[in-house]
PDB file of N, CA and C in Angstrom:
ATOM      1  N   UNK A   1     142.593 151.355 148.810  1.00  0.00           N
ATOM      2  CA  UNK A   1     143.528 152.456 147.836  1.00  0.00           C
ATOM      3  C   UNK A   1     142.286 152.600 146.693  1.00  0.00           C
ATOM      4  N   UNK A   2     141.747 151.838 145.997  1.00  0.00           N
ATOM      5  CA  UNK A   2     140.607 152.158 145.424  1.00  0.00           C
ATOM      6  C   UNK A   2     139.497 152.408 146.284  1.00  0.00           C
ATOM      7  N   UNK A   3     139.061 152.104 147.337  1.00  0.00           N
ATOM      8  CA  UNK A   3     138.111 152.879 147.936  1.00  0.00           C
ATOM      9  C   UNK A   3     138.129 154.470 148.100  1.00  0.00           C
ATOM     10  N   UNK A   4     139.980 154.546 148.784  1.00  0.00           N
ATOM     11  CA  UNK A   4     140.353 156.270 148.491  1.00  0.00           C
ATOM     12  C   UNK A   4     139.755 156.940 147.437  1.00  0.00           C
ATOM     13  N   UNK A   5     139.996 156.426 145.951  1.00  0.00           N
ATOM     14  CA  UNK A   5     140.149 157.083 145.053  1.00  0.00           C
ATOM     15  C   UNK A   5     138.733 157.089 143.990  1.00  0.00           C
ATOM     16  N   UNK A   6     138.286 156.919 144.751  1.00  0.00           N
ATOM     17  CA  UNK A   6     136.353 156.526 144.542  1.00  0.00           C
ATOM     18  C   UNK A   6     136.105 157.251 145.372  1.00  0.00           C
ATOM     19  N   UNK A   7     136.738 156.736 146.642  1.00  0.00           N
ATOM     20  CA  UNK A   7     135.445 158.398 147.174  1.00  0.00           C
ATOM     21  C   UNK A   7     136.064 160.342 146.790  1.00  0.00           C
ATOM     22  N   UNK A   8     137.501 159.978 147.040  1.00  0.00           N
ATOM     23  CA  UNK A   8     138.032 161.392 145.759  1.00  0.00           C
ATOM     24  C   UNK A   8     137.583 161.716 144.390  1.00  0.00           C
ATOM     25  N   UNK A   9     136.388 161.003 143.785  1.00  0.00           N
ATOM     26  CA  UNK A   9     136.389 160.634 142.508  1.00  0.00           C
ATOM     27  C   UNK A   9     134.543 161.481 142.798  1.00  0.00           C
ATOM     28  N   UNK A  10     133.758 160.852 144.106  1.00  0.00           N
ATOM     29  CA  UNK A  10     132.710 161.328 144.707  1.00  0.00           C
ATOM     30  C   UNK A  10     132.845 162.606 144.975  1.00  0.00           C
ATOM     31  N   UNK A  11     133.205 162.965 145.352  1.00  0.00           N
ATOM     32  CA  UNK A  11     133.643 164.103 146.279  1.00  0.00           C
ATOM     33  C   UNK A  11     133.766 165.587 145.726  1.00  0.00           C
ATOM     34  N   UNK A  12     134.619 165.193 144.477  1.00  0.00           N
ATOM     35  CA  UNK A  12     135.517 166.331 143.081  1.00  0.00           C
ATOM     36  C   UNK A  12     134.491 165.829 142.242  1.00  0.00           C
ATOM     37  N   UNK A  13     133.618 164.835 142.020  1.00  0.00           N
ATOM     38  CA  UNK A  13     133.247 164.965 140.293  1.00  0.00           C
ATOM     39  C   UNK A  13     132.940 166.449 139.408  1.00  0.00           C
ATOM     40  N   UNK A  14     132.152 167.380 139.653  1.00  0.00           N
ATOM     41  CA  UNK A  14     132.264 168.294 138.710  1.00  0.00           C
ATOM     42  C   UNK A  14     133.995 169.078 138.401  1.00  0.00           C
ATOM     43  N   UNK A  15     135.180 168.670 139.351  1.00  0.00           N
ATOM     44  CA  UNK A  15     136.047 169.147 139.426  1.00  0.00           C
ATOM     45  C   UNK A  15     136.808 168.552 138.322  1.00  0.00           C
ATOM     46  N   UNK A  16     136.435 167.167 137.651  1.00  0.00           N
ATOM     47  CA  UNK A  16     137.329 165.835 137.750  1.00  0.00           C
ATOM     48  C   UNK A  16     136.511 165.748 135.761  1.00  0.00           C
ATOM     49  N   UNK A  17     135.587 166.183 136.255  1.00  0.00           N
ATOM     50  CA  UNK A  17     134.444 165.927 135.153  1.00  0.00           C
ATOM     51  C   UNK A  17     134.811 166.721 133.720  1.00  0.00           C
ATOM     52  N   UNK A  18     134.674 168.107 134.321  1.00  0.00           N
ATOM     53  CA  UNK A  18     134.772 169.576 133.599  1.00  0.00           C
ATOM     54  C   UNK A  18     136.627 169.490 132.853  1.00  0.00           C
ATOM     55  N   UNK A  19     137.526 168.641 133.043  1.00  0.00           N
ATOM     56  CA  UNK A  19     138.781 169.242 132.310  1.00  0.00           C
ATOM     57  C   UNK A  19     138.519 167.669 131.429  1.00  0.00           C
ATOM     58  N   UNK A  20     138.680 167.150 131.954  1.00  0.00           N
ATOM     59  CA  UNK A  20     138.431 165.570 131.391  1.00  0.00           C
ATOM     60  C   UNK A  20     137.270 165.965 130.223  1.00  0.00           C
ATOM     61  N   UNK A  21     136.391 166.627 130.118  1.00  0.00           N
ATOM     62  CA  UNK A  21     135.403 166.874 129.253  1.00  0.00           C
ATOM     63  C   UNK A  21     135.405 167.800 128.142  1.00  0.00           C
ATOM     64  N   UNK A  22     136.202 168.952 128.587  1.00  0.00           N
ATOM     65  CA  UNK A  22     137.313 169.946 127.855  1.00  0.00           C
ATOM     66  C   UNK A  22     138.746 169.374 126.759  1.00  0.00           C
ATOM     67  N   UNK A  23     138.739 168.480 127.512  1.00  0.00           N
ATOM     68  CA  UNK A  23     140.132 167.813 126.552  1.00  0.00           C
ATOM     69  C   UNK A  23     139.925 167.151 125.319  1.00  0.00           C
ATOM     70  N   UNK A  24     138.810 165.681 125.572  1.00  0.00           N
ATOM     71  CA  UNK A  24     138.214 165.541 124.856  1.00  0.00           C
ATOM     72  C   UNK A  24     137.167 165.941 123.279  1.00  0.00           C
ATOM     73  N   UNK A  25     135.938 167.183 124.081  1.00  0.00           N
ATOM     74  CA  UNK A  25     136.049 168.183 123.162  1.00  0.00           C
ATOM     75  C   UNK A  25     136.446 168.934 122.386  1.00  0.00           C
ATOM     76  N   UNK A  26     138.193 169.127 123.102  1.00  0.00           N
ATOM     77  CA  UNK A  26     139.066 169.989 122.423  1.00  0.00           C
ATOM     78  C   UNK A  26     139.820 168.938 121.569  1.00  0.00           C
ATOM     79  N   UNK A  27     139.749 167.685 121.250  1.00  0.00           N
ATOM     80  CA  UNK A  27     140.664 166.160 121.146  1.00  0.00           C
ATOM     81  C   UNK A  27     139.683 166.518 119.654  1.00  0.00           C
ATOM     82  N   UNK A  28     138.106 166.293 120.143  1.00  0.00           N
ATOM     83  CA  UNK A  28     137.306 166.090 118.966  1.00  0.00           C
ATOM     84  C   UNK A  28     137.213 167.277 118.040  1.00  0.00           C
ATOM     85  N   UNK A  29     137.247 168.090 118.771  1.00  0.00           N
ATOM     86  CA  UNK A  29     136.998 169.873 117.341  1.00  0.00           C
ATOM     87  C   UNK A  29     138.631 169.457 116.331  1.00  0.00           C
ATOM     88  N   UNK A  30     139.248 169.552 117.169  1.00  0.00           N
ATOM     89  CA  UNK A  30     140.992 169.047 116.047  1.00  0.00           C
ATOM     90  C   UNK A  30     141.352 167.575 115.158  1.00  0.00           C
ATOM     91  N   UNK A  31     140.361 167.062 115.543  1.00  0.00           N
ATOM     92  CA  UNK A  31     140.051 165.552 114.771  1.00  0.00           C
ATOM     93  C   UNK A  31     139.332 165.889 113.509  1.00  0.00           C
ATOM     94  N   UNK A  32     138.379 166.816 113.631  1.00  0.00           N
ATOM     95  CA  UNK A  32     136.946 166.966 113.331  1.00  0.00           C
ATOM     96  C   UNK A  32     137.697 167.926 111.973  1.00  0.00           C
ATOM     97  N   UNK A  33     138.482 169.066 112.449  1.00  0.00           N
ATOM     98  CA  UNK A  33     138.907 169.866 111.105  1.00  0.00           C
ATOM     99  C   UNK A  33     139.976 169.317 110.710  1.00  0.00           C
ATOM    100  N   UNK A  34     140.937 168.980 110.646  1.00  0.00           N
ATOM    101  CA  UNK A  34     141.296 168.408 110.106  1.00  0.00           C
ATOM    102  C   UNK A  34     140.782 166.895 108.938  1.00  0.00           C
ATOM    103  N   UNK A  35     140.080 166.065 109.382  1.00  0.00           N
ATOM    104  CA  UNK A  35     139.480 165.172 108.259  1.00  0.00           C
ATOM    105  C   UNK A  35     137.964 165.508 107.635  1.00  0.00           C
ATOM    106  N   UNK A  36     137.558 166.420 108.379  1.00  0.00           N
ATOM    107  CA  UNK A  36     136.307 167.179 107.219  1.00  0.00           C
ATOM    108  C   UNK A  36     136.526 167.506 106.484  1.00  0.00           C
ATOM    109  N   UNK A  37     135.299 168.023 105.379  1.00  0.00           N
ATOM    110  CA  UNK A  37     135.630 169.215 103.667  1.00  0.00           C
ATOM    111  C   UNK A  37     134.673 169.933 104.134  1.00  0.00           C
ATOM    112  N   UNK A  38     135.438 171.284 104.509  1.00  0.00           N
ATOM    113  CA  UNK A  38     134.523 172.072 105.395  1.00  0.00           C
ATOM    114  C   UNK A  38     134.504 172.728 103.929  1.00  0.00           C
ATOM    115  N   UNK A  39     133.978 172.529 102.827  1.00  0.00           N
ATOM    116  CA  UNK A  39     133.688 173.506 101.741  1.00  0.00           C
ATOM    117  C   UNK A  39     132.404 173.716 100.957  1.00  0.00           C
ATOM    118  N   UNK A  40     131.774 175.044 101.379  1.00  0.00           N
ATOM    119  CA  UNK A  40     130.299 174.321 101.177  1.00  0.00           C
ATOM    120  C   UNK A  40     130.219 175.101  99.748  1.00  0.00           C
ATOM    121  N   UNK A  41     129.768 174.454  99.001  1.00  0.00           N
ATOM    122  CA  UNK A  41     129.605 175.466  97.217  1.00  0.00           C
ATOM    123  C   UNK A  41     128.516 176.478  97.479  1.00  0.00           C
ATOM    124  N   UNK A  42     128.417 177.668  96.674  1.00  0.00           N
ATOM    125  CA  UNK A  42     127.964 178.953  96.317  1.00  0.00           C
ATOM    126  C   UNK A  42     127.289 178.219  95.506  1.00  0.00           C
ATOM    127  N   UNK A  43     125.488 178.536  95.848  1.00  0.00           N
ATOM    128  CA  UNK A  43     124.575 178.953  95.043  1.00  0.00           C
ATOM    129  C   UNK A  43     124.486 179.540  94.438  1.00  0.00           C
ATOM    130  N   UNK A  44     123.416 179.774  93.584  1.00  0.00           N
ATOM    131  CA  UNK A  44     122.957 181.620  93.065  1.00  0.00           C
ATOM    132  C   UNK A  44     122.427 181.476  93.294  1.00  0.00           C
ATOM    133  N   UNK A  45     121.963 183.267  93.712  1.00  0.00           N
ATOM    134  CA  UNK A  45     120.384 183.631  94.185  1.00  0.00           C
ATOM    135  C   UNK A  45     119.890 182.652  95.555  1.00  0.00           C
ATOM    136  N   UNK A  46     118.868 183.107  96.190  1.00  0.00           N
ATOM    137  CA  UNK A  46     118.489 183.092  97.449  1.00  0.00           C
ATOM    138  C   UNK A  46     117.080 181.965  97.298  1.00  0.00           C
ATOM    139  N   UNK A  47     116.923 181.188  98.587  1.00  0.00           N
ATOM    140  CA  UNK A  47     115.612 180.159  98.301  1.00  0.00           C
ATOM    141  C   UNK A  47     114.406 180.746  97.863  1.00  0.00           C
ATOM    142  N   UNK A  48     114.573 181.368  98.021  1.00  0.00           N
ATOM    143  CA  UNK A  48     113.470 182.491  97.585  1.00  0.00           C
ATOM    144  C   UNK A  48     112.955 182.195  95.839  1.00  0.00           C
ATOM    145  N   UNK A  49     114.478 183.087  95.896  1.00  0.00           N
ATOM    146  CA  UNK A  49     114.192 182.780  93.911  1.00  0.00           C
ATOM    147  C   UNK A  49     114.169 181.704  93.514  1.00  0.00           C
ATOM    148  N   UNK A  50     115.620 181.077  94.058  1.00  0.00           N
ATOM    149  CA  UNK A  50     115.198 179.839  93.710  1.00  0.00           C
ATOM    150  C   UNK A  50     113.687 179.094  93.442  1.00  0.00           C
ATOM    151  N   UNK A  51     112.658 179.084  94.693  1.00  0.00           N
ATOM    152  CA  UNK A  51     111.896 178.204  94.596  1.00  0.00           C
ATOM    153  C   UNK A  51     110.791 179.067  93.958  1.00  0.00           C
ATOM    154  N   UNK A  52     110.285 180.481  93.304  1.00  0.00           N
ATOM    155  CA  UNK A  52     110.282 181.188  92.325  1.00  0.00           C
ATOM    156  C   UNK A  52     110.296 180.588  91.128  1.00  0.00           C
ATOM    157  N   UNK A  53     111.131 180.868  90.545  1.00  0.00           N
ATOM    158  CA  UNK A  53     112.178 180.565  89.693  1.00  0.00           C
ATOM    159  C   UNK A  53     111.133 179.068  89.465  1.00  0.00           C
ATOM    160  N   UNK A  54     111.190 177.847  89.662  1.00  0.00           N
ATOM    161  CA  UNK A  54     110.893 176.861  90.154  1.00  0.00           C
ATOM    162  C   UNK A  54     109.589 176.464  89.725  1.00  0.00           C
ATOM    163  N   UNK A  55     108.370 177.540  90.979  1.00  0.00           N
ATOM    164  CA  UNK A  55     107.615 177.184  90.299  1.00  0.00           C
ATOM    165  C   UNK A  55     106.773 177.900  89.458  1.00  0.00           C
ATOM    166  N   UNK A  56     108.118 179.033  88.656  1.00  0.00           N
ATOM    167  CA  UNK A  56     107.711 180.014  87.718  1.00  0.00           C
ATOM    168  C   UNK A  56     107.526 178.092  86.513  1.00  0.00           C
ATOM    169  N   UNK A  57     108.749 178.397  86.446  1.00  0.00           N
ATOM    170  CA  UNK A  57     109.357 176.793  85.677  1.00  0.00           C
ATOM    171  C   UNK A  57     107.493 175.416  84.950  1.00  0.00           C
ATOM    172  N   UNK A  58     107.155 175.502  86.556  1.00  0.00           N
ATOM    173  CA  UNK A  58     105.753 174.373  86.653  1.00  0.00           C
ATOM    174  C   UNK A  58     104.693 175.007  85.852  1.00  0.00           C
ATOM    175  N   UNK A  59     104.599 176.361  86.083  1.00  0.00           N
ATOM    176  CA  UNK A  59     103.199 177.053  85.536  1.00  0.00           C
ATOM    177  C   UNK A  59     103.550 176.839  84.241  1.00  0.00           C
ATOM    178  N   UNK A  60     104.593 177.473  83.773  1.00  0.00           N
ATOM    179  CA  UNK A  60     104.413 177.327  82.231  1.00  0.00           C
ATOM    180  C   UNK A  60     104.943 176.388  81.664  1.00  0.00           C
ATOM    181  N   UNK A  61     105.353 175.322  81.814  1.00  0.00           N
ATOM    182  CA  UNK A  61     105.202 173.416  81.500  1.00  0.00           C
ATOM    183  C   UNK A  61     103.769 173.267  81.080  1.00  0.00           C
ATOM    184  N   UNK A  62     102.962 173.780  81.975  1.00  0.00           N
ATOM    185  CA  UNK A  62     100.912 172.887  82.422  1.00  0.00           C
ATOM    186  C   UNK A  62     100.529 173.495  81.130  1.00  0.00           C
ATOM    187  N   UNK A  63      99.387 172.314  80.720  1.00  0.00           N
ATOM    188  CA  UNK A  63      98.657 172.527  79.441  1.00  0.00           C
ATOM    189  C   UNK A  63      97.722 173.207  79.486  1.00  0.00           C
ATOM    190  N   UNK A  64      97.815 174.775  79.148  1.00  0.00           N
ATOM    191  CA  UNK A  64      96.258 175.502  80.189  1.00  0.00           C
ATOM    192  C   UNK A  64      95.449 175.212  78.694  1.00  0.00           C
ATOM    193  N   UNK A  65      95.194 174.521  77.678  1.00  0.00           N
ATOM    194  CA  UNK A  65      93.844 173.928  77.225  1.00  0.00           C
ATOM    195  C   UNK A  65      93.846 172.753  77.492  1.00  0.00           C
ATOM    196  N   UNK A  66      94.004 172.161  77.881  1.00  0.00           N
ATOM    197  CA  UNK A  66      93.424 170.678  79.110  1.00  0.00           C
ATOM    198  C   UNK A  66      92.475 171.673  80.326  1.00  0.00           C
ATOM    199  N   UNK A  67      91.378 171.264  80.195  1.00  0.00           N
ATOM    200  CA  UNK A  67      90.710 171.445  81.197  1.00  0.00           C
ATOM    201  C   UNK A  67      89.755 170.559  81.878  1.00  0.00           C
ATOM    202  N   UNK A  68      89.682 169.961  82.942  1.00  0.00           N
ATOM    203  CA  UNK A  68      88.379 169.483  83.254  1.00  0.00           C
ATOM    204  C   UNK A  68      86.683 169.692  83.023  1.00  0.00           C
ATOM    205  N   UNK A  69      86.160 168.660  82.858  1.00  0.00           N
ATOM    206  CA  UNK A  69      84.878 169.019  82.836  1.00  0.00           C
ATOM    207  C   UNK A  69      84.079 170.063  84.072  1.00  0.00           C
ATOM    208  N   UNK A  70      83.617 170.423  84.912  1.00  0.00           N
ATOM    209  CA  UNK A  70      82.893 170.851  85.462  1.00  0.00           C
ATOM    210  C   UNK A  70      81.828 169.708  85.902  1.00  0.00           C
ATOM    211  N   UNK A  71      80.831 168.606  85.200  1.00  0.00           N
ATOM    212  CA  UNK A  71      80.128 167.730  85.367  1.00  0.00           C
ATOM    213  C   UNK A  71      80.910 167.009  85.949  1.00  0.00           C
ATOM    214  N   UNK A  72      81.909 166.211  85.672  1.00  0.00           N
ATOM    215  CA  UNK A  72      82.208 165.629  86.618  1.00  0.00           C
ATOM    216  C   UNK A  72      82.336 165.641  88.258  1.00  0.00           C
ATOM    217  N   UNK A  73      82.516 166.736  88.677  1.00  0.00           N
ATOM    218  CA  UNK A  73      83.318 167.682  90.242  1.00  0.00           C
ATOM    219  C   UNK A  73      85.011 166.606  90.284  1.00  0.00           C
ATOM    220  N   UNK A  74      85.560 166.788  89.932  1.00  0.00           N
ATOM    221  CA  UNK A  74      86.695 166.604  90.023  1.00  0.00           C
ATOM    222  C   UNK A  74      87.869 167.149  91.294  1.00  0.00           C
ATOM    223  N   UNK A  75      87.151 168.282  91.226  1.00  0.00           N
ATOM    224  CA  UNK A  75      87.279 168.993  92.208  1.00  0.00           C
ATOM    225  C   UNK A  75      87.256 169.381  93.795  1.00  0.00           C
ATOM    226  N   UNK A  76      85.805 168.333  93.786  1.00  0.00           N
ATOM    227  CA  UNK A  76      85.306 167.894  95.226  1.00  0.00           C
ATOM    228  C   UNK A  76      85.787 166.186  94.827  1.00  0.00           C
ATOM    229  N   UNK A  77      86.871 167.037  96.869  1.00  0.00           N
ATOM    230  CA  UNK A  77      87.476 165.261  97.139  1.00  0.00           C
ATOM    231  C   UNK A  77      86.111 164.174  98.125  1.00  0.00           C
ATOM    232  N   UNK A  78      86.924 162.757  97.685  1.00  0.00           N
ATOM    233  CA  UNK A  78      86.216 161.911  97.857  1.00  0.00           C
ATOM    234  C   UNK A  78      85.977 161.667  99.175  1.00  0.00           C
ATOM    235  N   UNK A  79      87.168 161.618  99.799  1.00  0.00           N
ATOM    236  CA  UNK A  79      87.291 161.208 101.221  1.00  0.00           C
ATOM    237  C   UNK A  79      87.580 162.303 101.876  1.00  0.00           C
ATOM    238  N   UNK A  80      87.451 162.744 103.129  1.00  0.00           N
ATOM    239  CA  UNK A  80      88.035 164.245 103.803  1.00  0.00           C
ATOM    240  C   UNK A  80      89.760 164.310 104.112  1.00  0.00           C
ATOM    241  N   UNK A  81      90.021 163.184 103.778  1.00  0.00           N
ATOM    242  CA  UNK A  81      91.578 162.896 103.604  1.00  0.00           C
ATOM    243  C   UNK A  81      92.038 163.319 102.421  1.00  0.00           C
ATOM    244  N   UNK A  82      91.179 163.403 101.638  1.00  0.00           N
ATOM    245  CA  UNK A  82      91.823 164.098 100.505  1.00  0.00           C
ATOM    246  C   UNK A  82      91.839 165.537 100.214  1.00  0.00           C
ATOM    247  N   UNK A  83      91.451 166.281 101.515  1.00  0.00           N
ATOM    248  CA  UNK A  83      91.003 167.469 101.734  1.00  0.00           C
ATOM    249  C   UNK A  83      91.857 168.472 101.137  1.00  0.00           C
ATOM    250  N   UNK A  84      92.987 168.398 101.691  1.00  0.00           N
ATOM    251  CA  UNK A  84      94.219 169.243 102.535  1.00  0.00           C
ATOM    252  C   UNK A  84      95.448 168.595 102.148  1.00  0.00           C
ATOM    253  N   UNK A  85      95.579 168.357 100.484  1.00  0.00           N
ATOM    254  CA  UNK A  85      96.821 167.639 100.416  1.00  0.00           C
ATOM    255  C   UNK A  85      97.321 168.588  99.085  1.00  0.00           C
ATOM    256  N   UNK A  86      98.908 168.441  99.415  1.00  0.00           N
ATOM    257  CA  UNK A  86      99.960 169.198  98.820  1.00  0.00           C
ATOM    258  C   UNK A  86      99.782 168.272  97.362  1.00  0.00           C
ATOM    259  N   UNK A  87     100.483 170.029  96.139  1.00  0.00           N
ATOM    260  CA  UNK A  87      99.836 169.825  94.537  1.00  0.00           C
ATOM    261  C   UNK A  87     100.747 169.242  94.365  1.00  0.00           C
ATOM    262  N   UNK A  88     101.914 168.765  94.876  1.00  0.00           N
ATOM    263  CA  UNK A  88     102.905 167.727  94.604  1.00  0.00           C
ATOM    264  C   UNK A  88     102.417 166.776  94.368  1.00  0.00           C
ATOM    265  N   UNK A  89     101.880 166.507  95.739  1.00  0.00           N
ATOM    266  CA  UNK A  89     101.230 164.785  95.869  1.00  0.00           C
ATOM    267  C   UNK A  89      99.418 164.531  95.116  1.00  0.00           C
ATOM    268  N   UNK A  90      99.004 166.258  94.866  1.00  0.00           N
ATOM    269  CA  UNK A  90      98.464 165.672  93.668  1.00  0.00           C
ATOM    270  C   UNK A  90      98.818 164.917  91.806  1.00  0.00           C
ATOM    271  N   UNK A  91      99.469 165.198  91.611  1.00  0.00           N
ATOM    272  CA  UNK A  91      99.874 165.463  90.504  1.00  0.00           C
ATOM    273  C   UNK A  91     100.639 163.910  90.658  1.00  0.00           C
ATOM    274  N   UNK A  92     101.060 162.525  91.258  1.00  0.00           N
ATOM    275  CA  UNK A  92     102.136 161.811  91.784  1.00  0.00           C
ATOM    276  C   UNK A  92     100.396 160.861  91.863  1.00  0.00           C
ATOM    277  N   UNK A  93      99.441 161.154  91.482  1.00  0.00           N
ATOM    278  CA  UNK A  93      98.230 160.523  91.280  1.00  0.00           C
ATOM    279  C   UNK A  93      97.499 160.828  90.242  1.00  0.00           C
ATOM    280  N   UNK A  94      97.865 160.913  89.987  1.00  0.00           N
ATOM    281  CA  UNK A  94      96.881 161.417  88.303  1.00  0.00           C
ATOM    282  C   UNK A  94      98.092 160.137  87.505  1.00  0.00           C
TER     283      UNK A  94
END
């Protein structure tokens, strides 16, 4: 009896697996909808506006009187790996 069942499943595998996958997917979707919290808080403004405001606040916090000397050449990288470093990473090195 078992070889007949295996032969049937081998021949009709697409017809058997599609309904099984649909039932598993439906049950999983229903469980997730009942158990999860779908509330997402709304943040004011778009991402671009928040980024521009954050960058503006960072610029306003900078001390404009603290300027490096041109004789020391701190703007020249010591190695090639320091050439294209993000400004946020440069601040953490100081």
